[in-house]
Amino acid sequence: MTEILIGILVGLVIIISGKITKFDNDESFYPLILIFISLLYILFASIDQGFSVILVETLIAAFFISCAILGFKGSKLWIPIGYALHGFFDILHPNLLNNSGVPAWWPGFCLGIDEVIALYLIWKIYNKKV
């Protein structure tokens, strides 16, 4: 539970720092973070050194990268959808894949970040601030 709370705080720091630096004025800011977060499971799979795990994690990352690209190029809703789904994936991940490179605290931590950013982006979209 602590890792989720820390993830929520980190998500808030990302949002606040994006606003302070005005990085979030660039429409690529949140899609790029989603892409980066998606690639981390491939990094963890590389630590595990299992080719099949790397392949599966790459295919899954491709889905989230697609959400980021669709959101950047088309409907902005794809971006918070990608974050929200990634958060659910984080929680399911330990039961779906045996990727020993993933730290035990990572799924909860990443869930906190993902869901805070997803909620913020939905709020932002529906308040016409995108």
Protein backbone atom coordinates (compact mmCIF):
# COMPACT_ATOMS: atom_id res chain seq x y z
CA MET A 1 0.00 0.00 0.00
CA THR A 2 2.90 2.37 0.73
CA GLU A 3 4.20 1.99 -2.82
CA ILE A 4 0.80 3.08 -4.20
CA LEU A 5 0.81 6.21 -2.02
CA ILE A 6 4.36 7.03 -3.09
CA GLY A 7 3.31 6.50 -6.73
CA ILE A 8 0.38 8.88 -6.25
CA LEU A 9 2.76 11.50 -4.84
CA VAL A 10 5.18 11.00 -7.74
CA GLY A 11 2.26 11.32 -10.18
CA LEU A 12 1.30 14.62 -8.53
CA VAL A 13 4.93 15.78 -8.73
CA ILE A 14 4.95 14.97 -12.46
CA ILE A 15 1.73 16.95 -12.99
CA ILE A 16 2.84 19.94 -10.87
CA SER A 17 6.35 20.04 -12.35
CA GLY A 18 4.84 19.79 -15.85
CA LYS A 19 2.73 22.85 -15.07
CA ILE A 20 5.52 24.83 -13.38
CA THR A 21 8.01 24.20 -16.20
CA LYS A 22 5.25 24.52 -18.81
CA PHE A 23 6.40 21.20 -20.31
CA ASP A 24 2.75 20.15 -20.29
CA ASN A 25 1.99 22.97 -22.74
CA ASP A 26 3.53 20.66 -25.32
CA GLU A 27 0.98 18.05 -26.37
CA SER A 28 3.70 15.39 -26.46
CA PHE A 29 4.47 15.62 -22.72
CA TYR A 30 2.01 13.05 -21.36
CA PRO A 31 2.16 10.70 -24.38
CA LEU A 32 5.96 10.55 -24.03
CA ILE A 33 5.71 9.72 -20.33
CA LEU A 34 3.24 6.93 -21.16
CA ILE A 35 5.67 5.58 -23.75
CA PHE A 36 8.55 5.74 -21.26
CA ILE A 37 6.56 3.98 -18.54
CA SER A 38 5.55 1.28 -21.02
CA LEU A 39 9.17 0.60 -21.94
CA LEU A 40 10.26 0.00 -18.35
CA TYR A 41 8.77 -3.50 -18.28
CA ILE A 42 11.01 -4.33 -21.26
CA LEU A 43 13.97 -3.07 -19.23
CA PHE A 44 12.91 -5.31 -16.35
CA ALA A 45 12.57 -8.23 -18.78
CA SER A 46 16.12 -7.53 -19.98
CA ILE A 47 17.30 -7.89 -16.40
CA ASP A 48 15.42 -11.21 -16.27
CA GLN A 49 17.17 -12.17 -19.55
CA GLY A 50 14.34 -14.32 -20.83
CA PHE A 51 13.76 -13.78 -24.55
CA SER A 52 10.14 -14.91 -24.37
CA VAL A 53 9.48 -12.46 -21.52
CA ILE A 54 11.13 -9.64 -23.48
CA LEU A 55 8.97 -10.49 -26.49
CA VAL A 56 5.71 -10.52 -24.52
CA GLU A 57 6.59 -7.30 -22.67
CA THR A 58 7.45 -5.67 -26.01
CA LEU A 59 4.08 -6.63 -27.49
CA ILE A 60 2.28 -5.29 -24.45
CA ALA A 61 4.33 -2.07 -24.54
CA ALA A 62 3.38 -1.70 -28.22
CA PHE A 63 -0.28 -1.52 -27.17
CA PHE A 64 0.39 1.32 -24.70
CA ILE A 65 2.66 3.10 -27.16
CA SER A 66 -0.19 2.88 -29.67
CA CYS A 67 -2.52 4.52 -27.13
CA ALA A 68 -0.01 7.35 -26.73
CA ILE A 69 0.35 7.84 -30.48
CA LEU A 70 -3.41 7.65 -31.10
CA GLY A 71 -3.91 10.24 -28.37
CA PHE A 72 -1.23 12.51 -29.76
CA LYS A 73 -2.41 12.24 -33.38
CA GLY A 74 -6.17 11.82 -32.82
CA SER A 75 -8.59 11.73 -29.91
CA LYS A 76 -6.91 12.98 -26.74
CA LEU A 77 -8.95 10.47 -24.73
CA TRP A 78 -6.59 7.69 -25.81
CA ILE A 79 -3.90 9.12 -23.53
CA PRO A 80 -5.79 8.81 -20.20
CA ILE A 81 -7.25 5.51 -21.41
CA GLY A 82 -3.69 4.27 -21.95
CA TYR A 83 -2.64 5.42 -18.47
CA ALA A 84 -5.71 3.90 -16.79
CA LEU A 85 -5.25 0.57 -18.60
CA HIS A 86 -1.55 0.58 -17.79
CA GLY A 87 -2.41 0.98 -14.11
CA PHE A 88 -4.69 -2.05 -14.25
CA PHE A 89 -1.97 -3.92 -16.13
CA ASP A 90 0.46 -3.06 -13.32
CA ILE A 91 -1.78 -4.77 -10.78
CA LEU A 92 -2.39 -7.81 -12.99
CA HIS A 93 1.22 -8.09 -14.16
CA PRO A 94 2.53 -10.35 -11.37
CA ASN A 95 -0.27 -12.84 -12.12
CA LEU A 96 0.14 -12.67 -15.91
CA LEU A 97 3.89 -12.81 -16.47
CA ASN A 98 6.86 -14.23 -14.68
CA ASN A 99 9.26 -11.33 -15.11
CA SER A 100 11.72 -11.67 -12.23
CA GLY A 101 13.36 -8.35 -13.17
CA VAL A 102 10.33 -6.40 -11.91
CA PRO A 103 10.88 -5.12 -8.37
CA ALA A 104 8.14 -6.28 -5.99
CA TRP A 105 7.12 -2.69 -5.25
CA TRP A 106 6.96 -1.57 -8.90
CA PRO A 107 3.38 -2.57 -9.86
CA GLY A 108 1.81 -0.61 -6.98
CA PHE A 109 4.13 2.35 -7.45
CA CYS A 110 3.40 2.56 -11.17
CA LEU A 111 -0.35 2.10 -10.55
CA GLY A 112 -0.32 5.20 -8.35
CA ILE A 113 1.41 7.28 -11.01
CA ASP A 114 -0.74 5.96 -13.85
CA GLU A 115 -4.11 6.49 -12.21
CA VAL A 116 -3.32 10.00 -10.91
CA ILE A 117 -2.19 11.11 -14.36
CA ALA A 118 -5.20 9.41 -16.02
CA LEU A 119 -7.63 11.22 -13.70
CA TYR A 120 -5.85 14.53 -14.21
CA LEU A 121 -5.91 14.18 -18.01
CA ILE A 122 -9.61 13.26 -18.03
CA TRP A 123 -10.30 16.33 -15.89
CA LYS A 124 -8.16 18.45 -18.22
CA ILE A 125 -9.87 17.14 -21.36
CA TYR A 126 -13.36 17.69 -20.01
CA ASN A 127 -12.47 21.19 -18.86
CA LYS A 128 -11.25 21.97 -22.41
CA LYS A 129 -7.70 22.67 -21.29
CA VAL A 130 -5.99 20.31 -23.71
